[in-house]
Amino acid sequence: MQTKYLQKGAQAKIASTGQIVEVKRVSDHGFSVVRFQTGGDYMILNDRLETVESQQVRH
């Protein structure tokens, strides 16, 4: 199993739906609190989240 590096304030993707969410809190007990772009904070298992790699923009 791949180790996930979820951080507070970072963006993550819900694996099953592909929705991008903002990570509000990360717990040592296997879940995180995330905020959807449409609003609302929800608890979700860390196994259901994927880290989002931000691409660097070259000018």
C-alpha atoms as a PDB file:
ATOM      1  CA  MET A   1       0.000   0.000   0.000  1.00  0.00           C
ATOM      2  CA  GLN A   2       1.300   3.424  -0.912  1.00  0.00           C
ATOM      3  CA  THR A   3       1.860   5.930   1.888  1.00  0.00           C
ATOM      4  CA  LYS A   4      -0.198   9.058   1.425  1.00  0.00           C
ATOM      5  CA  TYR A   5       1.120  12.470   2.368  1.00  0.00           C
ATOM      6  CA  LEU A   6      -1.980  14.461   3.203  1.00  0.00           C
ATOM      7  CA  GLN A   7      -1.381  17.885   4.679  1.00  0.00           C
ATOM      8  CA  LYS A   8      -3.689  20.494   6.106  1.00  0.00           C
ATOM      9  CA  GLY A   9      -4.524  23.107   3.462  1.00  0.00           C
ATOM     10  CA  ALA A  10      -3.508  20.872   0.544  1.00  0.00           C
ATOM     11  CA  GLN A  11      -5.794  19.613  -2.178  1.00  0.00           C
ATOM     12  CA  ALA A  12      -6.731  15.956  -2.544  1.00  0.00           C
ATOM     13  CA  LYS A  13      -8.866  13.948  -4.946  1.00  0.00           C
ATOM     14  CA  ILE A  14     -11.600  11.529  -3.916  1.00  0.00           C
ATOM     15  CA  ALA A  15     -10.589   8.271  -5.611  1.00  0.00           C
ATOM     16  CA  SER A  16     -14.096   7.048  -6.462  1.00  0.00           C
ATOM     17  CA  THR A  17     -15.516  10.281  -7.904  1.00  0.00           C
ATOM     18  CA  GLY A  18     -12.484  12.326  -8.944  1.00  0.00           C
ATOM     19  CA  GLN A  19     -13.709  15.387  -7.033  1.00  0.00           C
ATOM     20  CA  ILE A  20     -11.041  17.783  -5.791  1.00  0.00           C
ATOM     21  CA  VAL A  21     -11.395  18.745  -2.118  1.00  0.00           C
ATOM     22  CA  GLU A  22      -9.402  20.844   0.347  1.00  0.00           C
ATOM     23  CA  VAL A  23      -7.952  19.029   3.355  1.00  0.00           C
ATOM     24  CA  LYS A  24      -8.960  20.853   6.546  1.00  0.00           C
ATOM     25  CA  ARG A  25      -7.655  18.377   9.175  1.00  0.00           C
ATOM     26  CA  VAL A  26      -5.725  15.101   9.109  1.00  0.00           C
ATOM     27  CA  SER A  27      -6.124  12.580  11.926  1.00  0.00           C
ATOM     28  CA  ASP A  28      -3.688   9.894  13.050  1.00  0.00           C
ATOM     29  CA  HIS A  29      -6.685   7.552  13.264  1.00  0.00           C
ATOM     30  CA  GLY A  30      -7.108   7.094   9.502  1.00  0.00           C
ATOM     31  CA  PHE A  31      -9.524   9.842   8.484  1.00  0.00           C
ATOM     32  CA  SER A  32      -9.485  13.469   7.382  1.00  0.00           C
ATOM     33  CA  VAL A  33     -11.892  16.378   7.385  1.00  0.00           C
ATOM     34  CA  VAL A  34     -12.266  17.785   3.883  1.00  0.00           C
ATOM     35  CA  ARG A  35     -14.145  20.731   2.397  1.00  0.00           C
ATOM     36  CA  PHE A  36     -15.915  20.343  -0.928  1.00  0.00           C
ATOM     37  CA  GLN A  37     -15.760  23.171  -3.473  1.00  0.00           C
ATOM     38  CA  THR A  38     -19.560  23.410  -3.303  1.00  0.00           C
ATOM     39  CA  GLY A  39     -19.356  23.888   0.466  1.00  0.00           C
ATOM     40  CA  GLY A  40     -19.568  21.719   3.528  1.00  0.00           C
ATOM     41  CA  ASP A  41     -17.020  19.912   5.671  1.00  0.00           C
ATOM     42  CA  TYR A  42     -17.101  16.115   5.841  1.00  0.00           C
ATOM     43  CA  MET A  43     -15.062  13.327   7.405  1.00  0.00           C
ATOM     44  CA  ILE A  44     -13.644  10.800   4.944  1.00  0.00           C
ATOM     45  CA  LEU A  45     -11.269   7.852   5.263  1.00  0.00           C
ATOM     46  CA  ASN A  46      -7.716   8.526   4.133  1.00  0.00           C
ATOM     47  CA  ASP A  47      -7.881   5.360   1.995  1.00  0.00           C
ATOM     48  CA  ARG A  48     -10.503   7.107  -0.155  1.00  0.00           C
ATOM     49  CA  LEU A  49      -8.252  10.118  -0.867  1.00  0.00           C
ATOM     50  CA  GLU A  50      -5.431  10.536  -3.359  1.00  0.00           C
ATOM     51  CA  THR A  51      -2.817  13.243  -3.249  1.00  0.00           C
ATOM     52  CA  VAL A  52      -2.933  15.801  -6.048  1.00  0.00           C
ATOM     53  CA  GLU A  53       0.370  16.709  -7.620  1.00  0.00           C
ATOM     54  CA  SER A  54       0.441  20.344  -8.618  1.00  0.00           C
ATOM     55  CA  GLN A  55       2.067  21.049 -11.953  1.00  0.00           C
ATOM     56  CA  GLN A  56       4.547  23.880 -12.129  1.00  0.00           C
ATOM     57  CA  VAL A  57       3.773  26.589 -14.669  1.00  0.00           C
ATOM     58  CA  ARG A  58       6.682  27.718 -16.805  1.00  0.00           C
ATOM     59  CA  HIS A  59       6.665  31.256 -18.158  1.00  0.00           C
END
